[in-house]
Amino acid sequence: MLFAPRTARMNAMDSAPILIGYDGSEEAARAVDVAAALFGARRSVVLAVEPPMTQAETYLVMSSAASGLDVEEVNNSEALARAGEGADRARRAGLVADAQSRLVSPAWEGIVAVADEIDAAVIVVGSRDHKGIRERLEASTAHQVAVHAGRPVLIVPQHASS
């Protein structure tokens, strides 16, 4: 026999949802499309992660009457709207998709945490082609997810340039 029998864990993975990281970029849209092509009508969660407050928003809160809670609510609302756009795209592509958002920084931590919460079979993320110093400074979210996830991660590359 060439292949070992499927284990109970593998059967459970067949019914576990996939998690798709979505930030509204072309790379994230491509990741959704590839996930749908590979996994068909699979149950999925499309996740948008935002920081609770950006550095600029922190300064705004410190120097005005705006409360940090108001800024976080706006950021969460925007992230959920973005996740909703990604889930709509996923449904059009054939996935059974729900939208979720998280406010956490760095983004990879939110992606890994939600993957753990839903016991995702696989995490799907897009990849950006950062070069040189920018790559070292930004520490690719896709790379960090792959390092920390403890589960399969599909990193969808950009389209090859002609």
Protein backbone atom coordinates (compact mmCIF):
# COMPACT_ATOMS: atom_id res chain seq x y z
CA MET A 1 0.00 0.00 0.00
CA LEU A 2 1.50 3.32 -1.09
CA PHE A 3 -0.49 5.64 1.16
CA ALA A 4 -1.18 5.38 4.86
CA PRO A 5 -4.88 5.28 5.87
CA ARG A 6 -6.48 8.61 6.69
CA THR A 7 -6.51 9.37 10.38
CA ALA A 8 -9.38 10.85 12.38
CA ARG A 9 -7.45 14.16 12.47
CA MET A 10 -7.25 14.26 8.68
CA ASN A 11 -11.00 13.62 8.45
CA ALA A 12 -11.61 16.43 10.94
CA MET A 13 -9.41 18.71 8.81
CA ASP A 14 -11.69 17.98 5.86
CA SER A 15 -14.57 19.68 7.69
CA ALA A 16 -12.57 22.41 9.44
CA PRO A 17 -12.89 25.90 7.98
CA ILE A 18 -10.12 27.70 6.16
CA LEU A 19 -9.00 31.13 7.31
CA ILE A 20 -8.23 33.79 4.72
CA GLY A 21 -6.34 36.92 5.73
CA TYR A 22 -7.77 39.90 3.87
CA ASP A 23 -6.59 43.51 3.82
CA GLY A 24 -8.32 44.73 0.66
CA SER A 25 -5.15 44.61 -1.44
CA GLU A 26 -4.79 42.96 -4.86
CA GLU A 27 -2.65 40.31 -3.20
CA ALA A 28 -5.41 39.50 -0.69
CA ALA A 29 -8.02 39.36 -3.46
CA ARG A 30 -5.80 36.91 -5.35
CA ALA A 31 -5.48 34.80 -2.17
CA VAL A 32 -9.29 34.61 -1.96
CA ASP A 33 -9.55 33.55 -5.59
CA VAL A 34 -6.84 30.90 -5.23
CA ALA A 35 -8.44 29.56 -2.03
CA ALA A 36 -11.78 29.19 -3.83
CA ALA A 37 -10.12 27.45 -6.78
CA LEU A 38 -8.30 25.00 -4.51
CA PHE A 39 -10.92 24.37 -1.82
CA GLY A 40 -14.21 24.74 -3.70
CA ALA A 41 -17.33 25.30 -1.61
CA ARG A 42 -15.43 24.97 1.66
CA ARG A 43 -16.51 26.83 4.78
CA SER A 44 -14.20 29.79 5.34
CA VAL A 45 -13.63 32.81 7.53
CA VAL A 46 -12.33 35.96 5.87
CA LEU A 47 -10.43 38.00 8.45
CA ALA A 48 -9.34 41.63 8.42
CA VAL A 49 -6.89 42.69 11.12
CA GLU A 50 -6.23 46.29 12.06
CA PRO A 51 -4.17 47.84 14.86
CA PRO A 52 -6.33 49.17 17.72
CA MET A 53 -4.83 52.60 17.05
CA THR A 54 -2.20 53.78 14.62
CA GLN A 55 0.63 55.94 15.88
CA ALA A 56 -1.07 59.02 14.41
CA GLU A 57 -4.36 58.11 16.12
CA THR A 58 -2.56 57.70 19.44
CA TYR A 59 -1.23 61.26 19.15
CA LEU A 60 -4.69 62.50 18.19
CA VAL A 61 -6.27 60.91 21.26
CA MET A 62 -3.54 62.27 23.53
CA SER A 63 -3.96 65.81 22.22
CA SER A 64 -7.74 66.07 21.85
CA ALA A 65 -11.07 65.27 23.39
CA ALA A 66 -11.41 62.14 21.24
CA SER A 67 -11.39 58.98 23.28
CA GLY A 68 -9.30 55.92 22.42
CA LEU A 69 -12.46 53.83 22.55
CA ASP A 70 -14.02 55.91 19.75
CA VAL A 71 -10.95 55.39 17.53
CA GLU A 72 -10.94 51.65 18.21
CA GLU A 73 -14.64 51.41 17.34
CA VAL A 74 -14.02 53.20 14.03
CA ASN A 75 -11.03 50.95 13.26
CA ASN A 76 -13.03 47.82 14.08
CA SER A 77 -15.93 49.01 11.93
CA GLU A 78 -13.58 49.64 9.01
CA ALA A 79 -11.90 46.25 9.46
CA LEU A 80 -15.25 44.45 9.58
CA ALA A 81 -16.39 46.28 6.43
CA ARG A 82 -13.16 45.23 4.68
CA ALA A 83 -13.64 41.62 5.85
CA GLY A 84 -17.21 41.80 4.54
CA GLU A 85 -15.91 42.83 1.11
CA GLY A 86 -13.50 39.89 1.18
CA ALA A 87 -16.26 37.49 2.28
CA ASP A 88 -18.48 38.76 -0.57
CA ARG A 89 -15.65 38.08 -3.01
CA ALA A 90 -15.16 34.62 -1.51
CA ARG A 91 -18.88 33.80 -1.85
CA ARG A 92 -18.87 34.95 -5.49
CA ALA A 93 -15.89 32.65 -6.05
CA GLY A 94 -17.76 29.69 -4.53
CA LEU A 95 -16.66 29.56 -0.90
CA VAL A 96 -19.09 29.55 2.04
CA ALA A 97 -17.68 32.60 3.79
CA ASP A 98 -18.16 34.60 6.98
CA ALA A 99 -16.43 37.87 7.82
CA GLN A 100 -14.53 38.60 11.03
CA SER A 101 -12.29 41.39 12.22
CA ARG A 102 -9.73 41.78 14.97
CA LEU A 103 -7.94 44.78 16.40
CA VAL A 104 -4.40 43.69 17.17
CA SER A 105 -0.89 44.59 16.20
CA PRO A 106 1.07 43.00 14.66
CA ALA A 107 -1.46 41.55 12.23
CA TRP A 108 0.08 38.07 12.20
CA GLU A 109 -0.86 37.65 15.88
CA GLY A 110 -4.53 38.25 15.10
CA ILE A 111 -4.45 35.84 12.18
CA VAL A 112 -2.83 33.08 14.24
CA ALA A 113 -5.22 33.68 17.18
CA VAL A 114 -8.33 33.41 15.00
CA ALA A 115 -6.93 30.31 13.28
CA ASP A 116 -6.58 28.76 16.72
CA GLU A 117 -10.09 29.86 17.76
CA ILE A 118 -11.75 28.27 14.73
CA ASP A 119 -9.23 25.40 14.47
CA ALA A 120 -8.61 26.30 10.83
CA ALA A 121 -7.48 23.51 8.53
CA VAL A 122 -5.27 25.98 6.66
CA ILE A 123 -4.52 29.70 6.67
CA VAL A 124 -4.44 31.42 3.28
CA VAL A 125 -2.64 34.76 2.90
CA GLY A 126 -1.36 36.84 0.03
CA SER A 127 2.25 37.84 -0.38
CA ARG A 128 3.77 41.18 -1.25
CA ASP A 129 7.08 41.52 -3.01
CA HIS A 130 9.02 43.78 -0.65
CA LYS A 131 12.59 44.44 -1.64
CA GLY A 132 15.71 45.27 0.32
CA ILE A 133 15.45 47.31 3.50
CA ARG A 134 11.65 47.53 3.32
CA GLU A 135 11.42 43.73 3.51
CA ARG A 136 13.63 43.66 6.61
CA LEU A 137 11.77 46.52 8.31
CA GLU A 138 8.23 45.33 7.62
CA ALA A 139 8.81 41.66 8.52
CA SER A 140 6.29 40.10 6.16
CA THR A 141 2.97 39.24 7.75
CA ALA A 142 2.79 36.11 5.57
CA HIS A 143 6.20 34.98 6.80
CA GLN A 144 5.33 35.61 10.45
CA VAL A 145 2.04 33.69 10.08
CA ALA A 146 3.92 30.75 8.57
CA VAL A 147 6.49 30.78 11.38
CA HIS A 148 3.98 31.02 14.23
CA ALA A 149 0.81 29.29 13.03
CA GLY A 150 1.52 25.68 13.94
CA ARG A 151 -0.77 24.61 11.08
CA PRO A 152 -0.56 24.61 7.28
CA VAL A 153 -0.23 28.04 5.68
CA LEU A 154 -0.76 28.72 1.99
CA ILE A 155 1.10 31.84 0.89
CA VAL A 156 -0.25 32.95 -2.47
CA PRO A 157 2.38 34.81 -4.50
CA GLN A 158 1.71 37.84 -6.64
CA HIS A 159 1.16 37.32 -10.33
CA ALA A 160 4.47 36.88 -12.09
CA SER A 161 5.47 40.08 -13.85
CA SER A 162 5.98 39.87 -17.59
